[in-house]
């Protein structure tokens, strides 16, 4: 099982990571691709800002910051993972990476850190659902997660799945 988990570091994205880890647990061949996408809006740059040579460095730093919790969770769970940091339109980039890594499923949150709370990732999630070539699981804020899928819970705690 290979899961693609786009994350912007928001609490909903962390819940999506926890759910993906729950799906992957007890599957020795499971792996997770953690993806963070940066663009001019996520970096707080306007369209009229002149691109600087430091823009890519800023994007990489922001991406590392956004994925820090997800990386830690994967390490603690003992699940194989890889990290992808990309720059571009969020929805289209998620779709491009999905075509590239060929996941069995995409797991993502429905609300993120967009300028208008939730608007950016919410509309992104909707777009990904409509255009994805694999199943997409959306994790909503407040959605009840399975007992073993609580963010920050070590892998060996919780209830077993059938």
C-alpha atoms as a PDB file:
ATOM      1  CA  UNK A   1       0.000   0.000   0.000  1.00  0.00           C
ATOM      2  CA  UNK A   2       1.345   3.405  -1.010  1.00  0.00           C
ATOM      3  CA  UNK A   3      -0.384   6.522   0.334  1.00  0.00           C
ATOM      4  CA  UNK A   4       0.060  10.119  -0.807  1.00  0.00           C
ATOM      5  CA  UNK A   5      -0.545  12.567   2.036  1.00  0.00           C
ATOM      6  CA  UNK A   6      -0.465  16.266   1.112  1.00  0.00           C
ATOM      7  CA  UNK A   7       0.139  18.379   4.205  1.00  0.00           C
ATOM      8  CA  UNK A   8       0.353  22.080   4.961  1.00  0.00           C
ATOM      9  CA  UNK A   9       1.090  21.466   8.641  1.00  0.00           C
ATOM     10  CA  UNK A  10      -2.417  22.435   9.793  1.00  0.00           C
ATOM     11  CA  UNK A  11      -4.202  20.491  12.523  1.00  0.00           C
ATOM     12  CA  UNK A  12      -6.482  18.910   9.922  1.00  0.00           C
ATOM     13  CA  UNK A  13      -3.464  17.855   7.868  1.00  0.00           C
ATOM     14  CA  UNK A  14      -1.959  16.291  11.005  1.00  0.00           C
ATOM     15  CA  UNK A  15      -5.189  14.343  11.479  1.00  0.00           C
ATOM     16  CA  UNK A  16      -4.912  13.140   7.871  1.00  0.00           C
ATOM     17  CA  UNK A  17      -1.357  11.967   8.590  1.00  0.00           C
ATOM     18  CA  UNK A  18      -2.601  10.103  11.682  1.00  0.00           C
ATOM     19  CA  UNK A  19      -5.338   8.444   9.621  1.00  0.00           C
ATOM     20  CA  UNK A  20      -2.836   7.453   6.906  1.00  0.00           C
ATOM     21  CA  UNK A  21      -0.557   5.947   9.555  1.00  0.00           C
ATOM     22  CA  UNK A  22      -3.515   3.996  10.916  1.00  0.00           C
ATOM     23  CA  UNK A  23      -4.220   2.661   7.409  1.00  0.00           C
ATOM     24  CA  UNK A  24      -0.556   1.716   6.964  1.00  0.00           C
ATOM     25  CA  UNK A  25       0.025   0.056  10.336  1.00  0.00           C
ATOM     26  CA  UNK A  26       0.509  -3.702  10.324  1.00  0.00           C
ATOM     27  CA  UNK A  27       1.173  -3.631   6.573  1.00  0.00           C
ATOM     28  CA  UNK A  28       4.892  -4.370   6.139  1.00  0.00           C
ATOM     29  CA  UNK A  29       5.004  -3.079   2.559  1.00  0.00           C
ATOM     30  CA  UNK A  30       3.109   0.140   3.291  1.00  0.00           C
ATOM     31  CA  UNK A  31       4.748   3.471   2.579  1.00  0.00           C
ATOM     32  CA  UNK A  32       3.677   7.083   2.744  1.00  0.00           C
ATOM     33  CA  UNK A  33       4.642   9.960   0.486  1.00  0.00           C
ATOM     34  CA  UNK A  34       4.421  13.193   2.475  1.00  0.00           C
ATOM     35  CA  UNK A  35       3.876  16.148   0.155  1.00  0.00           C
ATOM     36  CA  UNK A  36       4.010  19.852   0.822  1.00  0.00           C
ATOM     37  CA  UNK A  37       3.297  22.357  -1.929  1.00  0.00           C
ATOM     38  CA  UNK A  38       4.381  25.966  -1.672  1.00  0.00           C
ATOM     39  CA  UNK A  39       3.488  28.815  -3.994  1.00  0.00           C
ATOM     40  CA  UNK A  40       3.563  32.596  -3.951  1.00  0.00           C
ATOM     41  CA  UNK A  41       0.382  32.776  -1.855  1.00  0.00           C
ATOM     42  CA  UNK A  42       1.540  30.279   0.781  1.00  0.00           C
ATOM     43  CA  UNK A  43       4.826  32.184   1.019  1.00  0.00           C
ATOM     44  CA  UNK A  44       2.991  35.478   1.515  1.00  0.00           C
ATOM     45  CA  UNK A  45       4.255  36.949  -1.758  1.00  0.00           C
ATOM     46  CA  UNK A  46       2.041  38.944  -4.068  1.00  0.00           C
ATOM     47  CA  UNK A  47       1.886  38.292  -7.781  1.00  0.00           C
ATOM     48  CA  UNK A  48       3.635  41.584  -8.396  1.00  0.00           C
ATOM     49  CA  UNK A  49       6.599  40.780  -6.140  1.00  0.00           C
ATOM     50  CA  UNK A  50       9.768  40.334  -8.105  1.00  0.00           C
ATOM     51  CA  UNK A  51      10.965  36.757  -7.785  1.00  0.00           C
ATOM     52  CA  UNK A  52      14.213  36.558  -5.907  1.00  0.00           C
ATOM     53  CA  UNK A  53      16.790  33.835  -5.939  1.00  0.00           C
ATOM     54  CA  UNK A  54      15.942  33.235  -2.284  1.00  0.00           C
ATOM     55  CA  UNK A  55      12.308  32.378  -3.093  1.00  0.00           C
ATOM     56  CA  UNK A  56      13.121  28.682  -3.571  1.00  0.00           C
ATOM     57  CA  UNK A  57      15.051  28.627  -0.276  1.00  0.00           C
ATOM     58  CA  UNK A  58      12.089  30.235   1.479  1.00  0.00           C
ATOM     59  CA  UNK A  59       9.767  27.632  -0.047  1.00  0.00           C
ATOM     60  CA  UNK A  60      12.025  24.796   1.114  1.00  0.00           C
ATOM     61  CA  UNK A  61      12.209  26.194   4.658  1.00  0.00           C
ATOM     62  CA  UNK A  62       8.426  26.628   4.819  1.00  0.00           C
ATOM     63  CA  UNK A  63       7.931  23.130   3.438  1.00  0.00           C
ATOM     64  CA  UNK A  64      10.272  21.616   6.044  1.00  0.00           C
ATOM     65  CA  UNK A  65       8.408  23.490   8.765  1.00  0.00           C
ATOM     66  CA  UNK A  66       5.013  22.319   7.461  1.00  0.00           C
ATOM     67  CA  UNK A  67       6.115  18.675   7.259  1.00  0.00           C
ATOM     68  CA  UNK A  68       8.027  18.511  10.554  1.00  0.00           C
ATOM     69  CA  UNK A  69       5.144  17.008  12.556  1.00  0.00           C
ATOM     70  CA  UNK A  70       4.238  14.542   9.794  1.00  0.00           C
ATOM     71  CA  UNK A  71       7.837  13.351   9.495  1.00  0.00           C
ATOM     72  CA  UNK A  72       8.081  12.882  13.248  1.00  0.00           C
ATOM     73  CA  UNK A  73       4.797  10.935  13.303  1.00  0.00           C
ATOM     74  CA  UNK A  74       5.979   8.592  10.517  1.00  0.00           C
ATOM     75  CA  UNK A  75       9.299   8.010  12.267  1.00  0.00           C
ATOM     76  CA  UNK A  76       7.595   7.251  15.586  1.00  0.00           C
ATOM     77  CA  UNK A  77       5.146   4.883  13.887  1.00  0.00           C
ATOM     78  CA  UNK A  78       7.932   3.019  12.098  1.00  0.00           C
ATOM     79  CA  UNK A  79       6.237   3.448   8.713  1.00  0.00           C
ATOM     80  CA  UNK A  80       8.414   3.874   5.619  1.00  0.00           C
ATOM     81  CA  UNK A  81       8.004   7.316   4.085  1.00  0.00           C
ATOM     82  CA  UNK A  82       9.477   9.762   1.653  1.00  0.00           C
ATOM     83  CA  UNK A  83       9.180  13.533   1.517  1.00  0.00           C
ATOM     84  CA  UNK A  84       8.314  15.632  -1.517  1.00  0.00           C
ATOM     85  CA  UNK A  85       8.476  19.427  -1.453  1.00  0.00           C
ATOM     86  CA  UNK A  86       7.081  21.086  -4.558  1.00  0.00           C
ATOM     87  CA  UNK A  87       6.398  24.609  -5.791  1.00  0.00           C
ATOM     88  CA  UNK A  88       3.339  25.463  -7.883  1.00  0.00           C
ATOM     89  CA  UNK A  89      -0.450  25.578  -7.918  1.00  0.00           C
ATOM     90  CA  UNK A  90      -1.511  23.333  -5.045  1.00  0.00           C
ATOM     91  CA  UNK A  91      -4.241  21.207  -6.638  1.00  0.00           C
ATOM     92  CA  UNK A  92      -2.443  20.705  -9.930  1.00  0.00           C
ATOM     93  CA  UNK A  93       0.793  19.875  -8.128  1.00  0.00           C
ATOM     94  CA  UNK A  94      -0.902  17.257  -5.943  1.00  0.00           C
ATOM     95  CA  UNK A  95      -2.358  15.682  -9.083  1.00  0.00           C
ATOM     96  CA  UNK A  96       1.024  15.750 -10.879  1.00  0.00           C
ATOM     97  CA  UNK A  97       2.789  14.135  -7.927  1.00  0.00           C
ATOM     98  CA  UNK A  98       0.011  11.519  -7.686  1.00  0.00           C
ATOM     99  CA  UNK A  99       0.589  10.594 -11.334  1.00  0.00           C
ATOM    100  CA  UNK A 100       4.328  10.436 -10.652  1.00  0.00           C
ATOM    101  CA  UNK A 101       4.329   8.335  -7.452  1.00  0.00           C
ATOM    102  CA  UNK A 102       1.283   6.184  -8.344  1.00  0.00           C
ATOM    103  CA  UNK A 103      -0.252   5.898  -4.852  1.00  0.00           C
ATOM    104  CA  UNK A 104      -3.036   3.474  -4.065  1.00  0.00           C
ATOM    105  CA  UNK A 105      -4.856   6.271  -2.263  1.00  0.00           C
ATOM    106  CA  UNK A 106      -4.615   9.971  -1.395  1.00  0.00           C
ATOM    107  CA  UNK A 107      -5.377  10.970   2.205  1.00  0.00           C
ATOM    108  CA  UNK A 108      -5.763  14.680   2.911  1.00  0.00           C
ATOM    109  CA  UNK A 109      -7.445  17.192   5.159  1.00  0.00           C
ATOM    110  CA  UNK A 110     -10.336  19.351   4.023  1.00  0.00           C
ATOM    111  CA  UNK A 111      -9.215  22.554   5.686  1.00  0.00           C
ATOM    112  CA  UNK A 112      -5.793  24.088   5.721  1.00  0.00           C
ATOM    113  CA  UNK A 113      -3.847  27.222   6.382  1.00  0.00           C
ATOM    114  CA  UNK A 114      -5.233  29.290   3.503  1.00  0.00           C
ATOM    115  CA  UNK A 115      -5.500  33.061   3.831  1.00  0.00           C
ATOM    116  CA  UNK A 116      -9.225  32.763   4.423  1.00  0.00           C
ATOM    117  CA  UNK A 117      -9.270  29.968   6.966  1.00  0.00           C
ATOM    118  CA  UNK A 118      -9.967  26.721   5.213  1.00  0.00           C
ATOM    119  CA  UNK A 119     -10.807  28.178   1.828  1.00  0.00           C
ATOM    120  CA  UNK A 120      -7.556  27.282   0.081  1.00  0.00           C
ATOM    121  CA  UNK A 121      -7.214  23.647   1.142  1.00  0.00           C
ATOM    122  CA  UNK A 122     -10.979  23.100   1.133  1.00  0.00           C
ATOM    123  CA  UNK A 123     -11.309  24.030  -2.521  1.00  0.00           C
ATOM    124  CA  UNK A 124      -8.077  22.163  -3.228  1.00  0.00           C
ATOM    125  CA  UNK A 125      -9.481  18.988  -1.647  1.00  0.00           C
ATOM    126  CA  UNK A 126     -12.638  19.268  -3.737  1.00  0.00           C
ATOM    127  CA  UNK A 127     -10.593  19.656  -6.917  1.00  0.00           C
ATOM    128  CA  UNK A 128      -8.389  16.684  -6.069  1.00  0.00           C
ATOM    129  CA  UNK A 129     -11.449  14.491  -5.427  1.00  0.00           C
ATOM    130  CA  UNK A 130     -12.908  15.371  -8.823  1.00  0.00           C
ATOM    131  CA  UNK A 131      -9.713  14.853 -10.817  1.00  0.00           C
ATOM    132  CA  UNK A 132      -7.806  12.116  -8.967  1.00  0.00           C
ATOM    133  CA  UNK A 133      -7.204   8.789 -10.666  1.00  0.00           C
ATOM    134  CA  UNK A 134      -7.102   6.956  -7.297  1.00  0.00           C
ATOM    135  CA  UNK A 135      -9.417   6.938  -4.267  1.00  0.00           C
ATOM    136  CA  UNK A 136      -9.237  10.040  -2.065  1.00  0.00           C
ATOM    137  CA  UNK A 137     -10.014  10.003   1.642  1.00  0.00           C
ATOM    138  CA  UNK A 138     -10.817  13.412   3.116  1.00  0.00           C
ATOM    139  CA  UNK A 139     -10.312  13.984   6.830  1.00  0.00           C
ATOM    140  CA  UNK A 140     -12.557  16.762   8.132  1.00  0.00           C
ATOM    141  CA  UNK A 141     -11.950  18.864  11.235  1.00  0.00           C
ATOM    142  CA  UNK A 142     -13.734  17.222  14.138  1.00  0.00           C
ATOM    143  CA  UNK A 143     -14.227  13.956  12.262  1.00  0.00           C
ATOM    144  CA  UNK A 144     -14.114  11.002  14.629  1.00  0.00           C
ATOM    145  CA  UNK A 145     -10.946   9.054  13.909  1.00  0.00           C
ATOM    146  CA  UNK A 146     -10.480   5.371  14.729  1.00  0.00           C
ATOM    147  CA  UNK A 147      -8.989   4.855  18.196  1.00  0.00           C
ATOM    148  CA  UNK A 148      -5.538   3.977  16.843  1.00  0.00           C
ATOM    149  CA  UNK A 149      -5.478   7.029  14.567  1.00  0.00           C
ATOM    150  CA  UNK A 150      -5.164   9.821  17.084  1.00  0.00           C
ATOM    151  CA  UNK A 151      -2.505  12.406  16.186  1.00  0.00           C
ATOM    152  CA  UNK A 152       0.524  11.932  18.387  1.00  0.00           C
ATOM    153  CA  UNK A 153      -0.475   8.440  19.578  1.00  0.00           C
ATOM    154  CA  UNK A 154       2.313   5.847  19.317  1.00  0.00           C
ATOM    155  CA  UNK A 155       1.632   3.024  16.887  1.00  0.00           C
ATOM    156  CA  UNK A 156       1.276   0.263  19.467  1.00  0.00           C
ATOM    157  CA  UNK A 157      -1.598   1.925  21.330  1.00  0.00           C
ATOM    158  CA  UNK A 158      -5.266   1.795  20.466  1.00  0.00           C
ATOM    159  CA  UNK A 159      -7.480  -0.953  19.201  1.00  0.00           C
ATOM    160  CA  UNK A 160      -6.715  -3.507  16.551  1.00  0.00           C
ATOM    161  CA  UNK A 161      -8.449  -3.361  13.193  1.00  0.00           C
ATOM    162  CA  UNK A 162     -10.077  -6.344  11.499  1.00  0.00           C
END
